[in-house]
Amino acid sequence: MTVRGLALDPVTNAPIVILKAEGGTRLLPIWIGLFEANAIAIEMEKIVAPRPMTHDLLKNLIELLDARMERMVVDNLQENTFFASIYLRSASREHRLDARPSDAIALALRTGAPIFVTDDVLNRSRGMELDDDLGEAEQWRQWIDHITPGDFARNTPGGTAPGTDDVERTDLADG
């Protein structure tokens, strides 16, 4: 997948990161937090901060420890919340780090690591397929323009938008 862009949900004003299948027609929107959207936008625009931002710090730490980020995978979808894993390689070992998709995407952009979404998550998500006869931007605009509050009725308690990834998970497992 590639990061196609960022958008704002017109109903909730929540930022959305839009992933697109490389060479494909599938778009996957994931609702994210403002700070994470900012971190993704800064890297997409190649803006250099005067001091390291959090994701820059993580990238520097990974490099300092002689490791590299091999990939990130959006690997689960539960109750409208996406979950991701970051795969790090150090020496001859691979480590899996549980992460929010937005943080994993921000780090993947900084390290050049590929972004993946499992078939299971793609099949269960509310993404969209692009129509070859209509431009991608126009299709996305139509999708956003037709969102209604009822589309978000299955939200988890607390009013988060579908797909929001603000659930913290902190397990670290060797994989």
Protein backbone atom coordinates (compact mmCIF):
# COMPACT_ATOMS: atom_id res chain seq x y z
CA MET A 1 0.00 0.00 0.00
CA THR A 2 1.00 3.60 -0.40
CA VAL A 3 -0.18 6.65 1.50
CA ARG A 4 -2.44 8.36 -1.00
CA GLY A 5 -3.12 11.36 1.20
CA LEU A 6 -4.86 12.83 4.21
CA ALA A 7 -8.42 14.12 4.42
CA LEU A 8 -10.83 15.42 7.05
CA ASP A 9 -14.05 13.60 7.84
CA PRO A 10 -16.75 16.26 7.24
CA VAL A 11 -18.98 14.81 9.98
CA THR A 12 -16.49 14.38 12.83
CA ASN A 13 -13.63 16.62 11.63
CA ALA A 14 -11.32 13.68 12.36
CA PRO A 15 -8.29 13.25 10.11
CA ILE A 16 -8.28 10.27 7.76
CA VAL A 17 -5.19 8.69 6.22
CA ILE A 18 -5.97 7.12 2.87
CA LEU A 19 -4.02 4.04 1.84
CA LYS A 20 -4.08 2.81 -1.75
CA ALA A 21 -3.12 -0.60 -3.05
CA GLU A 22 -0.01 -0.28 -5.20
CA GLY A 23 -0.99 -0.85 -8.80
CA GLY A 24 -4.57 -1.53 -7.69
CA THR A 25 -7.86 0.24 -7.31
CA ARG A 26 -8.54 -0.32 -3.61
CA LEU A 27 -8.57 2.63 -1.18
CA LEU A 28 -8.59 2.13 2.58
CA PRO A 29 -9.46 5.10 4.81
CA ILE A 30 -8.29 4.93 8.44
CA TRP A 31 -9.47 7.54 10.92
CA ILE A 32 -6.52 8.82 12.98
CA GLY A 33 -5.65 11.44 15.58
CA LEU A 34 -4.58 15.02 14.86
CA PHE A 35 -1.02 14.58 16.12
CA GLU A 36 -0.49 11.46 14.03
CA ALA A 37 -1.96 13.16 10.96
CA ASN A 38 0.49 16.01 11.55
CA ALA A 39 3.40 13.56 11.80
CA ILE A 40 2.37 11.89 8.53
CA ALA A 41 1.86 15.24 6.76
CA ILE A 42 5.24 16.57 7.90
CA GLU A 43 7.00 13.55 6.42
CA MET A 44 4.93 13.54 3.21
CA GLU A 45 5.81 17.21 2.68
CA LYS A 46 9.46 16.58 3.68
CA ILE A 47 9.34 19.36 6.27
CA VAL A 48 12.40 19.32 8.53
CA ALA A 49 11.64 20.20 12.15
CA PRO A 50 14.31 22.08 14.11
CA ARG A 51 14.27 19.28 16.70
CA PRO A 52 13.40 15.59 16.21
CA MET A 53 9.70 14.84 16.40
CA THR A 54 8.58 11.62 18.14
CA HIS A 55 8.63 9.47 14.99
CA ASP A 56 12.01 10.93 14.00
CA LEU A 57 13.29 10.03 17.45
CA LEU A 58 12.04 6.45 17.02
CA LYS A 59 13.71 6.22 13.61
CA ASN A 60 16.99 7.50 15.10
CA LEU A 61 16.74 5.04 17.98
CA ILE A 62 16.16 2.11 15.63
CA GLU A 63 19.23 3.12 13.62
CA LEU A 64 21.33 3.68 16.77
CA LEU A 65 20.49 0.13 17.87
CA ASP A 66 21.71 -1.19 14.51
CA ALA A 67 18.22 -2.30 13.54
CA ARG A 68 15.93 -1.49 10.66
CA MET A 69 12.20 -1.36 10.12
CA GLU A 70 11.40 -4.07 7.60
CA ARG A 71 7.67 -3.43 7.20
CA MET A 72 4.45 -2.45 8.90
CA VAL A 73 1.23 -4.38 8.55
CA VAL A 74 -2.33 -3.34 9.33
CA ASP A 75 -3.24 -6.79 10.56
CA ASN A 76 -6.47 -6.62 12.51
CA LEU A 77 -9.81 -4.85 12.62
CA GLN A 78 -11.94 -5.11 15.76
CA GLU A 79 -15.03 -3.06 16.54
CA ASN A 80 -14.14 -0.44 13.90
CA THR A 81 -10.57 -0.10 15.22
CA PHE A 82 -7.56 -0.97 13.09
CA PHE A 83 -4.47 -2.57 14.64
CA ALA A 84 -0.96 -2.76 13.19
CA SER A 85 2.39 -4.41 13.71
CA ILE A 86 5.85 -3.01 13.09
CA TYR A 87 8.48 -5.56 12.12
CA LEU A 88 12.04 -4.68 13.10
CA ARG A 89 15.19 -6.59 12.18
CA SER A 90 18.27 -6.51 14.39
CA ALA A 91 21.18 -8.80 13.60
CA SER A 92 19.51 -12.07 12.64
CA ARG A 93 16.31 -11.61 14.66
CA GLU A 94 12.96 -10.20 13.70
CA HIS A 95 10.86 -8.47 16.33
CA ARG A 96 7.17 -7.58 16.13
CA LEU A 97 6.04 -4.43 17.88
CA ASP A 98 2.34 -3.75 18.35
CA ALA A 99 1.39 -0.25 17.16
CA ARG A 100 -1.42 2.01 16.11
CA PRO A 101 -1.59 2.15 12.29
CA SER A 102 -1.04 5.91 12.26
CA ASP A 103 2.20 5.64 14.26
CA ALA A 104 3.37 2.69 12.16
CA ILE A 105 2.62 4.61 8.94
CA ALA A 106 4.45 7.73 10.19
CA LEU A 107 7.49 5.59 11.05
CA ALA A 108 7.32 3.61 7.79
CA LEU A 109 7.35 6.84 5.79
CA ARG A 110 10.46 7.99 7.65
CA THR A 111 12.33 4.70 7.28
CA GLY A 112 11.21 3.80 3.76
CA ALA A 113 9.64 0.57 5.04
CA PRO A 114 6.79 -0.93 3.00
CA ILE A 115 3.19 -0.67 4.19
CA PHE A 116 0.93 -3.72 4.03
CA VAL A 117 -2.69 -4.47 4.90
CA THR A 118 -3.79 -8.09 5.30
CA ASP A 119 -6.44 -9.46 2.93
CA ASP A 120 -8.67 -10.18 5.92
CA VAL A 121 -8.59 -6.53 7.02
CA LEU A 122 -9.20 -5.30 3.48
CA ASN A 123 -12.16 -7.65 3.07
CA ARG A 124 -13.75 -6.59 6.38
CA SER A 125 -13.09 -2.84 6.09
CA ARG A 126 -15.21 -0.10 4.60
CA GLY A 127 -12.78 0.82 1.85
CA MET A 128 -13.71 1.56 -1.71
CA GLU A 129 -12.79 0.31 -5.15
CA LEU A 130 -11.90 2.90 -7.76
CA ASP A 131 -13.84 2.98 -11.01
CA ASP A 132 -11.57 3.21 -14.04
CA ASP A 133 -14.04 5.58 -15.76
CA LEU A 134 -13.96 8.21 -12.99
CA GLY A 135 -10.89 9.93 -11.55
CA GLU A 136 -9.62 8.82 -8.15
CA ALA A 137 -9.91 12.30 -6.62
CA GLU A 138 -13.50 12.67 -7.83
CA GLN A 139 -14.50 9.25 -6.48
CA TRP A 140 -12.96 10.02 -3.10
CA ARG A 141 -14.70 13.42 -3.04
CA GLN A 142 -18.06 11.76 -3.79
CA TRP A 143 -17.48 9.18 -1.03
CA ILE A 144 -16.67 11.92 1.51
CA ASP A 145 -19.58 14.10 0.33
CA HIS A 146 -22.08 11.31 0.91
CA ILE A 147 -21.05 10.33 4.45
CA THR A 148 -23.95 10.75 6.85
CA PRO A 149 -24.04 10.57 10.66
CA GLY A 150 -25.90 7.26 10.30
CA ASP A 151 -22.79 5.77 8.66
CA PHE A 152 -21.11 6.05 12.03
CA ALA A 153 -23.86 4.49 14.15
CA ARG A 154 -21.73 1.43 14.93
CA ASN A 155 -19.09 3.51 16.70
CA THR A 156 -17.60 2.23 19.90
CA PRO A 157 -18.66 4.02 23.09
CA GLY A 158 -17.08 7.44 23.34
CA GLY A 159 -17.96 8.54 19.83
CA THR A 160 -14.84 7.55 17.90
CA ALA A 161 -15.17 7.32 14.15
CA PRO A 162 -15.02 3.92 12.46
CA GLY A 163 -11.51 2.71 11.94
CA THR A 164 -9.99 5.13 14.39
CA ASP A 165 -6.79 3.74 15.75
CA ASP A 166 -6.55 5.49 19.09
CA VAL A 167 -6.55 2.26 21.12
CA GLU A 168 -3.17 1.86 22.78
CA ARG A 169 -1.60 -1.62 22.61
CA THR A 170 1.82 -2.12 24.10
CA ASP A 171 2.83 -5.75 23.80
CA LEU A 172 6.23 -6.57 22.33
CA ALA A 173 6.69 -10.05 20.95
CA ASP A 174 9.53 -11.76 19.17
CA GLY A 175 8.35 -13.08 15.89
